[in-house]
Amino acid sequence: MGKQELFFAKEPKIAKQEEIDSINEYYMSSDNLDSQMSPALAADKAEKEASELLIATKKYHQMLNKYKEIESEIRMNLARINDLNRDTISKIISRMDKDRHELHLATIAMAVKLGKNEQDVLVDLVRKDKTLAEYGLPEFSIFNGYDIIDTGYWYKPFIVDSGYVIEQGEYLPDRRDNGIANIERIMNYKLEGRNYEYKPMIPADSFMLAFSISALSALRLDSEIRIDKATKLAKELDGQYISKCDSCYHEGYIRFTGVIFKNNRFEEVVNYIKNSGNKFRFGQEFYSAEEKELLKKRWLEIKNYNNNKLKELADIIEKYKNALKNKTNDITINTRNIFEQMPEEYDNHPLYSLIFEINEQLNSQIFQELIYLKKTNKLDDKNTAILLEKLNNLSLEIENYFKS
């Protein structure tokens, strides 16, 4: 028996639909009893059900994590097989594979209690892998269930679970809690009687194939290309295109773009992308010559734009220095206006961090220190010399950038 045959020797039993229907019928009938309860009893019942659901959900994800651990150990042992240890390692793998099979069945049984089916379990397991590398699509990741919650509130329209980490500029799902923090948040809000309801943004029976998940401070040069690919996939496979930012104000952290599909279409979607060449793939190795030329053009546009902003900062610094040297009152220059109307994607250029750093030093440090010294009549020759030295250091940073 070959390595792959051994690894997939036992396929888990498919959960019966009648089991799911029976459990759903039970919960539906029990919900009807709420209208006959007193408010106090109904509140106690809701709190108890919320607590039981949270415990069951945590147990379910512990089982998923254990399954992935066993799967990882099997792969490690497969890589160790040679002619000398084949029998020993094969026995170890067989035992692990049996454990994996039994755990998978138990996980499906637990999933049924949560209103899930076998296909939902598959997607939840894929979600634990962070990317679709195992399916030959390493640039893709998926969101599902409680990863993103809809707040129902205009100011902060959604919250992405803290179980997401940044790797190589992409926000990717972490294996830690798979939305557990958001489940607790939703339940607490319901029990507190909030006037707006938190709920999962992605339906329980669906997943979002992510084309871009990025920090607002690192928006992508290829955003237009990714959006185009996502919209085409949504159109061709009848998926739901989605693109949102987690806030309409400066404290927003994440913007995501993707396509939502039903969980039972997961393998269909993956195979369709793989069989379509580079049409839906993203990353330099998958872009056409025309797309690469577009990226180059965008990069130069951003570079020129940011260079001009840096020159504006250099001029402002000179005005500060002249005002201090001449001891004039023309020292209330605010540099924040140079960022007005600045296209969001332009902060993707590495130069932006230098602009931001210098701007912050001028406004948050030097400018504030200047105001304090003026108000307290302490802007003497010594303090003036200290401020001039700081300004000269900023000028030197800019000069060195342009020289390089």
Protein backbone atom coordinates (compact mmCIF):
# COMPACT_ATOMS: atom_id res chain seq x y z
CA MET A 1 0.00 0.00 0.00
CA GLY A 2 1.47 3.36 -1.02
CA LYS A 3 1.87 6.37 1.24
CA GLN A 4 -1.18 8.21 -0.05
CA GLU A 5 -3.31 5.05 -0.02
CA LEU A 6 -2.37 4.43 3.59
CA PHE A 7 -3.13 8.01 4.63
CA PHE A 8 -6.60 7.98 3.13
CA ALA A 9 -7.30 4.33 3.86
CA LYS A 10 -10.46 4.94 5.88
CA GLU A 11 -13.00 7.51 4.85
CA PRO A 12 -15.28 8.75 7.64
CA LYS A 13 -18.90 7.69 7.69
CA ILE A 14 -21.26 10.24 6.15
CA ALA A 15 -23.66 11.74 8.68
CA LYS A 16 -27.27 10.83 7.89
CA GLN A 17 -29.56 13.68 6.89
CA GLU A 18 -32.37 12.30 9.08
CA GLU A 19 -30.15 12.81 12.14
CA ILE A 20 -29.73 16.48 11.25
CA ASP A 21 -33.46 16.86 10.52
CA SER A 22 -34.38 15.24 13.82
CA ILE A 23 -32.16 17.58 15.84
CA ASN A 24 -33.35 20.65 13.93
CA GLU A 25 -36.98 19.58 14.53
CA TYR A 26 -36.28 19.25 18.24
CA TYR A 27 -34.80 22.72 18.51
CA MET A 28 -37.54 24.27 16.41
CA SER A 29 -40.24 22.71 18.62
CA SER A 30 -38.46 23.76 21.82
CA ASP A 31 -38.27 27.36 20.55
CA ASN A 32 -42.07 27.42 20.36
CA LEU A 33 -42.24 27.01 24.12
CA ASP A 34 -40.60 30.41 24.72
CA SER A 35 -43.83 32.32 24.10
CA GLN A 36 -45.48 30.45 27.01
CA MET A 37 -42.71 31.30 29.52
CA SER A 38 -42.45 34.23 31.89
CA PRO A 39 -39.75 36.83 30.96
CA ALA A 40 -37.55 35.63 33.82
CA LEU A 41 -37.77 31.96 32.80
CA ALA A 42 -37.22 32.85 29.14
CA ALA A 43 -34.10 34.84 30.08
CA ASP A 44 -32.75 31.95 32.16
CA LYS A 45 -33.44 29.52 29.32
CA ALA A 46 -31.70 31.78 26.80
CA GLU A 47 -28.64 32.12 29.03
CA LYS A 48 -28.47 28.37 29.61
CA GLU A 49 -28.79 27.60 25.89
CA ALA A 50 -26.13 30.19 25.04
CA SER A 51 -23.77 28.66 27.60
CA GLU A 52 -24.39 25.12 26.32
CA LEU A 53 -23.88 26.22 22.71
CA LEU A 54 -20.61 27.93 23.55
CA ILE A 55 -19.34 24.85 25.42
CA ALA A 56 -20.34 22.56 22.53
CA THR A 57 -18.73 24.90 19.99
CA LYS A 58 -15.47 25.03 21.93
CA LYS A 59 -15.48 21.23 22.20
CA TYR A 60 -16.10 20.96 18.46
CA HIS A 61 -13.12 23.17 17.64
CA GLN A 62 -10.92 21.28 20.10
CA MET A 63 -11.79 18.13 18.14
CA LEU A 64 -10.94 19.85 14.86
CA ASN A 65 -7.59 20.96 16.27
CA LYS A 66 -6.83 17.44 17.51
CA TYR A 67 -7.73 16.04 14.08
CA LYS A 68 -5.25 18.41 12.41
CA GLU A 69 -2.57 17.43 14.93
CA ILE A 70 -3.01 13.74 14.11
CA GLU A 71 -3.01 14.53 10.39
CA SER A 72 0.27 16.44 10.80
CA GLU A 73 1.85 13.56 12.72
CA ILE A 74 0.83 11.10 10.00
CA ARG A 75 2.50 13.26 7.36
CA MET A 76 5.66 13.51 9.45
CA ASN A 77 5.83 9.74 9.79
CA LEU A 78 5.14 9.22 6.08
CA ALA A 79 8.19 11.37 5.37
CA ARG A 80 10.31 9.15 7.67
CA ILE A 81 9.57 5.85 5.90
CA ASN A 82 12.53 4.01 4.38
CA ASP A 83 13.43 0.38 3.64
CA LEU A 84 14.78 -0.21 7.17
CA ASN A 85 11.84 1.10 9.21
CA ARG A 86 8.93 0.58 6.81
CA ASP A 87 7.14 -2.07 8.93
CA THR A 88 7.49 -0.15 12.21
CA ILE A 89 6.44 3.21 10.79
CA SER A 90 3.58 1.64 8.84
CA LYS A 91 2.16 0.21 12.10
CA ILE A 92 2.43 3.63 13.78
CA ILE A 93 0.68 5.30 10.85
CA SER A 94 -2.05 2.65 10.79
CA ARG A 95 -2.76 3.26 14.48
CA MET A 96 -2.81 7.03 13.94
CA ASP A 97 -5.03 6.65 10.90
CA LYS A 98 -7.50 4.63 12.98
CA ASP A 99 -7.50 7.36 15.63
CA ARG A 100 -8.01 9.98 12.92
CA HIS A 101 -10.92 8.05 11.45
CA GLU A 102 -12.65 7.61 14.81
CA LEU A 103 -12.10 11.26 15.73
CA HIS A 104 -13.52 12.36 12.39
CA LEU A 105 -16.70 10.36 13.04
CA ALA A 106 -16.99 11.84 16.54
CA THR A 107 -16.41 15.36 15.14
CA ILE A 108 -19.18 14.88 12.58
CA ALA A 109 -21.51 13.69 15.34
CA MET A 110 -20.70 16.80 17.39
CA ALA A 111 -21.14 18.96 14.28
CA VAL A 112 -24.66 17.54 13.78
CA LYS A 113 -25.58 18.74 17.28
CA LEU A 114 -24.49 22.23 16.17
CA GLY A 115 -26.66 22.07 13.05
CA LYS A 116 -23.72 21.28 10.76
CA ASN A 117 -23.15 18.47 8.26
CA GLU A 118 -20.13 16.59 6.91
CA GLN A 119 -19.40 19.18 4.23
CA ASP A 120 -19.37 21.91 6.89
CA VAL A 121 -16.81 19.86 8.83
CA LEU A 122 -14.60 19.63 5.72
CA VAL A 123 -14.63 23.43 5.30
CA ASP A 124 -13.95 23.96 9.01
CA LEU A 125 -10.94 21.65 8.75
CA VAL A 126 -9.65 23.53 5.71
CA ARG A 127 -10.10 26.75 7.66
CA LYS A 128 -7.69 25.36 10.25
CA ASP A 129 -4.98 25.05 7.59
CA LYS A 130 -4.87 28.85 7.10
CA THR A 131 -4.39 28.52 3.32
CA LEU A 132 -5.49 26.21 0.51
CA ALA A 133 -1.91 25.05 -0.09
CA GLU A 134 -2.98 21.43 0.32
CA TYR A 135 -5.30 21.96 -2.66
CA GLY A 136 -2.58 23.59 -4.77
CA LEU A 137 -3.83 27.15 -4.17
CA PRO A 138 -1.47 28.57 -1.51
CA GLU A 139 -2.39 32.21 -2.18
CA PHE A 140 -6.00 31.65 -1.11
CA SER A 141 -7.41 31.48 2.40
CA ILE A 142 -10.98 31.16 3.60
CA PHE A 143 -13.26 32.77 6.15
CA ASN A 144 -16.25 30.98 7.60
CA GLY A 145 -18.85 31.07 10.35
CA TYR A 146 -17.98 33.47 13.13
CA ASP A 147 -14.71 34.74 11.66
CA ILE A 148 -16.49 37.97 10.76
CA ILE A 149 -19.48 39.34 12.62
CA ASP A 150 -21.95 41.94 11.36
CA THR A 151 -22.52 44.47 14.14
CA GLY A 152 -25.63 46.01 12.62
CA TYR A 153 -24.08 49.35 13.55
CA TRP A 154 -23.15 51.99 10.96
CA TYR A 155 -20.02 53.18 12.78
CA LYS A 156 -18.25 49.82 13.01
CA PRO A 157 -20.03 47.60 10.47
CA PHE A 158 -18.07 44.43 11.16
CA ILE A 159 -15.45 42.89 13.42
CA VAL A 160 -12.88 40.36 12.24
CA ASP A 161 -11.99 37.81 14.88
CA SER A 162 -8.65 38.30 16.60
CA GLY A 163 -7.64 34.82 15.45
CA TYR A 164 -6.26 36.33 12.25
CA VAL A 165 -2.55 36.93 11.84
CA ILE A 166 -0.45 38.69 9.25
CA GLU A 167 1.89 36.60 7.13
CA GLN A 168 3.74 38.16 4.21
CA GLY A 169 1.35 41.10 4.20
CA GLU A 170 -1.79 38.95 4.13
CA TYR A 171 -4.24 38.49 6.97
CA LEU A 172 -4.67 34.75 7.31
CA PRO A 173 -6.84 32.69 9.66
CA ASP A 174 -5.00 31.48 12.73
CA ARG A 175 -5.71 28.06 14.21
CA ARG A 176 -6.27 29.34 17.73
CA ASP A 177 -9.97 29.97 18.26
CA ASN A 178 -11.72 29.96 14.88
CA GLY A 179 -14.14 32.71 15.88
CA ILE A 180 -14.72 31.61 19.49
CA ALA A 181 -14.15 35.19 20.69
CA ASN A 182 -16.81 36.40 18.29
CA ILE A 183 -19.26 33.69 19.38
CA GLU A 184 -18.87 34.87 22.98
CA ARG A 185 -19.28 38.48 21.88
CA ILE A 186 -22.50 37.74 20.00
CA MET A 187 -24.00 35.77 22.89
CA ASN A 188 -23.14 38.44 25.44
CA TYR A 189 -24.73 41.15 23.32
CA LYS A 190 -27.90 39.10 22.93
CA LEU A 191 -28.13 38.41 26.67
CA GLU A 192 -27.51 42.09 27.47
CA GLY A 193 -30.42 43.08 25.25
CA ARG A 194 -28.42 45.40 22.97
CA ASN A 195 -30.51 47.43 20.55
CA TYR A 196 -28.49 46.20 17.59
CA GLU A 197 -27.78 42.55 16.99
CA TYR A 198 -24.42 40.96 16.30
CA LYS A 199 -24.57 38.07 13.84
CA PRO A 200 -22.17 36.15 11.59
CA MET A 201 -21.58 38.02 8.32
CA ILE A 202 -20.94 34.74 6.49
CA PRO A 203 -23.86 32.26 6.69
CA ALA A 204 -23.26 29.15 8.79
CA ASP A 205 -23.47 26.91 5.71
CA SER A 206 -21.06 29.01 3.64
CA PHE A 207 -17.45 30.13 3.32
CA MET A 208 -15.74 33.16 1.83
CA LEU A 209 -12.87 32.53 -0.55
CA ALA A 210 -10.54 35.44 0.18
CA PHE A 211 -8.90 37.26 -2.72
CA SER A 212 -7.48 40.00 -0.53
CA ILE A 213 -7.33 40.56 3.21
CA SER A 214 -5.12 43.52 3.97
CA ALA A 215 -4.35 46.12 6.58
CA LEU A 216 -5.50 49.59 5.53
CA SER A 217 -1.93 50.76 6.03
CA ALA A 218 -0.76 48.26 3.39
CA LEU A 219 -3.29 48.28 0.59
CA ARG A 220 -2.20 46.46 -2.51
CA LEU A 221 -0.88 47.60 -5.83
CA ASP A 222 -2.75 44.73 -7.43
CA SER A 223 -6.09 45.45 -5.72
CA GLU A 224 -7.78 46.18 -9.06
CA ILE A 225 -6.54 42.88 -10.51
CA ARG A 226 -7.72 40.89 -7.49
CA ILE A 227 -11.12 42.58 -7.53
CA ASP A 228 -11.49 41.83 -11.24
CA LYS A 229 -10.63 38.15 -10.71
CA ALA A 230 -13.01 37.87 -7.75
CA THR A 231 -15.93 39.45 -9.62
CA LYS A 232 -15.36 37.16 -12.61
CA LEU A 233 -15.33 34.05 -10.41
CA ALA A 234 -18.51 35.19 -8.64
CA LYS A 235 -20.23 35.73 -11.98
CA GLU A 236 -19.13 32.45 -13.55
CA LEU A 237 -19.96 30.29 -10.51
CA ASP A 238 -22.93 32.28 -9.23
CA GLY A 239 -21.20 33.24 -5.97
CA GLN A 240 -21.70 36.36 -3.86
CA TYR A 241 -18.98 38.98 -4.37
CA ILE A 242 -18.17 40.88 -1.18
CA SER A 243 -15.74 43.71 -0.39
CA LYS A 244 -15.82 45.56 2.93
CA CYS A 245 -13.74 47.66 5.30
CA ASP A 246 -14.14 47.23 9.07
CA SER A 247 -14.69 50.94 9.69
CA CYS A 248 -15.45 54.11 7.77
CA TYR A 249 -13.04 56.06 9.97
CA HIS A 250 -9.30 56.18 10.56
CA GLU A 251 -9.34 53.44 13.21
CA GLY A 252 -10.27 50.86 10.61
CA TYR A 253 -7.78 48.03 10.35
CA ILE A 254 -8.84 45.54 7.73
CA ARG A 255 -10.31 45.50 4.24
CA PHE A 256 -11.29 42.21 2.67
CA THR A 257 -12.43 41.14 -0.77
CA GLY A 258 -13.77 37.70 -1.62
CA VAL A 259 -16.57 35.51 -2.89
CA ILE A 260 -19.06 33.62 -0.73
CA PHE A 261 -20.15 30.09 -1.69
CA LYS A 262 -22.12 27.33 0.01
CA ASN A 263 -19.95 24.80 1.85
CA ASN A 264 -21.25 21.96 -0.32
CA ARG A 265 -19.65 23.66 -3.34
CA PHE A 266 -16.15 23.88 -1.83
CA GLU A 267 -14.52 21.17 -3.94
CA GLU A 268 -16.36 22.35 -7.06
CA VAL A 269 -14.99 25.89 -6.60
CA VAL A 270 -11.44 24.71 -5.88
CA ASN A 271 -11.40 22.44 -8.96
CA TYR A 272 -12.86 25.17 -11.17
CA ILE A 273 -10.07 27.58 -10.19
CA LYS A 274 -7.37 24.95 -10.69
CA ASN A 275 -8.76 23.99 -14.11
CA SER A 276 -8.89 27.62 -15.28
CA GLY A 277 -5.15 28.19 -15.53
CA ASN A 278 -4.09 31.61 -14.21
CA LYS A 279 -7.48 33.21 -14.79
CA PHE A 280 -8.36 33.46 -11.07
CA ARG A 281 -4.90 33.07 -9.50
CA PHE A 282 -3.12 36.08 -8.02
CA GLY A 283 0.53 36.89 -7.36
CA GLN A 284 3.39 37.87 -9.67
CA GLU A 285 3.86 34.34 -11.03
CA PHE A 286 0.26 34.25 -12.25
CA TYR A 287 -0.05 37.71 -13.79
CA SER A 288 0.09 38.35 -17.52
CA ALA A 289 2.59 40.74 -19.12
CA GLU A 290 -0.19 43.32 -19.39
CA GLU A 291 -1.07 42.99 -15.70
CA LYS A 292 2.60 43.26 -14.69
CA GLU A 293 2.95 46.42 -16.78
CA LEU A 294 -0.08 47.87 -14.98
CA LEU A 295 1.54 47.11 -11.60
CA LYS A 296 4.78 48.78 -12.71
CA LYS A 297 2.87 51.88 -13.81
CA ARG A 298 0.99 52.05 -10.51
CA TRP A 299 4.23 51.69 -8.56
CA LEU A 300 5.82 54.63 -10.40
CA GLU A 301 2.72 56.75 -9.87
CA ILE A 302 2.87 56.11 -6.15
CA LYS A 303 6.60 56.73 -6.01
CA ASN A 304 6.28 60.11 -7.78
CA TYR A 305 3.32 61.12 -5.64
CA ASN A 306 5.09 60.26 -2.40
CA ASN A 307 8.31 61.94 -3.54
CA ASN A 308 6.38 65.18 -4.04
CA LYS A 309 4.88 64.86 -0.56
CA LEU A 310 8.34 64.33 0.90
CA LYS A 311 9.56 67.49 -0.83
CA GLU A 312 6.60 69.37 0.69
CA LEU A 313 7.70 68.16 4.11
CA ALA A 314 11.27 69.31 3.40
CA ASP A 315 9.96 72.81 2.57
CA ILE A 316 7.90 72.90 5.78
CA ILE A 317 10.95 71.91 7.84
CA GLU A 318 12.91 74.78 6.28
CA LYS A 319 10.14 77.20 7.26
CA TYR A 320 10.35 75.93 10.84
CA LYS A 321 14.10 76.37 10.86
CA ASN A 322 13.98 79.89 9.40
CA ALA A 323 11.30 80.93 11.87
CA LEU A 324 13.42 79.70 14.77
CA LYS A 325 16.65 81.25 13.47
CA ASN A 326 14.97 84.60 12.85
CA LYS A 327 12.96 84.39 16.10
CA THR A 328 9.72 85.22 14.33
CA ASN A 329 6.22 84.15 15.33
CA ASP A 330 5.71 82.21 12.10
CA ILE A 331 6.10 78.84 13.80
CA THR A 332 2.55 77.48 13.90
CA ILE A 333 2.81 75.41 10.73
CA ASN A 334 0.72 72.23 10.73
CA THR A 335 1.86 69.55 8.30
CA ARG A 336 -1.19 67.27 8.52
CA ASN A 337 -2.75 68.93 5.49
CA ILE A 338 -0.24 67.27 3.18
CA PHE A 339 -2.14 64.02 3.68
CA GLU A 340 -5.51 65.47 2.71
CA GLN A 341 -6.94 63.83 -0.41
CA MET A 342 -4.06 61.35 -0.45
CA PRO A 343 -5.31 58.21 -2.25
CA GLU A 344 -5.43 55.31 0.23
CA GLU A 345 -3.48 52.94 -1.98
CA TYR A 346 -0.53 55.34 -2.12
CA ASP A 347 0.49 54.40 1.40
CA ASN A 348 1.49 51.00 0.01
CA HIS A 349 4.84 52.41 -1.13
CA PRO A 350 7.68 51.90 1.40
CA LEU A 351 8.39 55.63 1.22
CA TYR A 352 5.10 56.29 2.99
CA SER A 353 6.52 55.10 6.31
CA LEU A 354 9.27 57.75 6.08
CA ILE A 355 6.72 60.47 5.26
CA PHE A 356 4.51 59.37 8.14
CA GLU A 357 7.39 59.18 10.61
CA ILE A 358 8.70 62.65 9.76
CA ASN A 359 5.20 64.11 9.78
CA GLU A 360 4.52 62.59 13.21
CA GLN A 361 7.79 63.94 14.61
CA LEU A 362 6.92 67.42 13.38
CA ASN A 363 3.37 67.42 14.73
CA SER A 364 3.46 65.21 17.80
CA GLN A 365 6.91 66.15 19.07
CA ILE A 366 8.55 69.27 17.68
CA PHE A 367 5.38 71.28 17.05
CA GLN A 368 3.93 70.41 20.49
CA GLU A 369 7.24 71.20 22.18
CA LEU A 370 7.32 74.51 20.34
CA ILE A 371 3.84 75.44 21.58
CA TYR A 372 4.79 74.57 25.15
CA LEU A 373 8.02 76.58 25.06
CA LYS A 374 6.21 79.61 23.65
CA LYS A 375 3.43 79.49 26.25
CA THR A 376 5.88 79.15 29.13
CA ASN A 377 8.31 81.75 27.73
CA LYS A 378 11.09 79.17 27.65
CA LEU A 379 12.00 79.45 23.99
CA ASP A 380 15.49 80.66 24.83
CA ASP A 381 18.67 80.20 22.78
CA LYS A 382 19.40 76.80 24.34
CA ASN A 383 15.96 75.31 23.58
CA THR A 384 15.95 76.92 20.15
CA ALA A 385 19.27 75.20 19.38
CA ILE A 386 17.83 71.85 20.52
CA LEU A 387 14.80 72.22 18.23
CA LEU A 388 17.01 73.27 15.31
CA GLU A 389 19.13 70.16 15.79
CA LYS A 390 16.03 67.98 15.64
CA LEU A 391 14.85 69.73 12.48
CA ASN A 392 18.29 69.39 10.89
CA ASN A 393 18.20 65.64 11.59
CA LEU A 394 14.87 65.39 9.76
CA SER A 395 16.27 67.36 6.84
CA LEU A 396 19.24 64.99 6.73
CA GLU A 397 16.90 61.95 6.57
CA ILE A 398 15.15 63.43 3.55
CA GLU A 399 18.43 64.37 1.86
CA ASN A 400 19.79 60.86 2.35
CA TYR A 401 16.65 59.36 0.84
CA PHE A 402 16.95 61.42 -2.36
CA LYS A 403 20.69 60.74 -2.58
CA SER A 404 20.08 57.00 -2.41
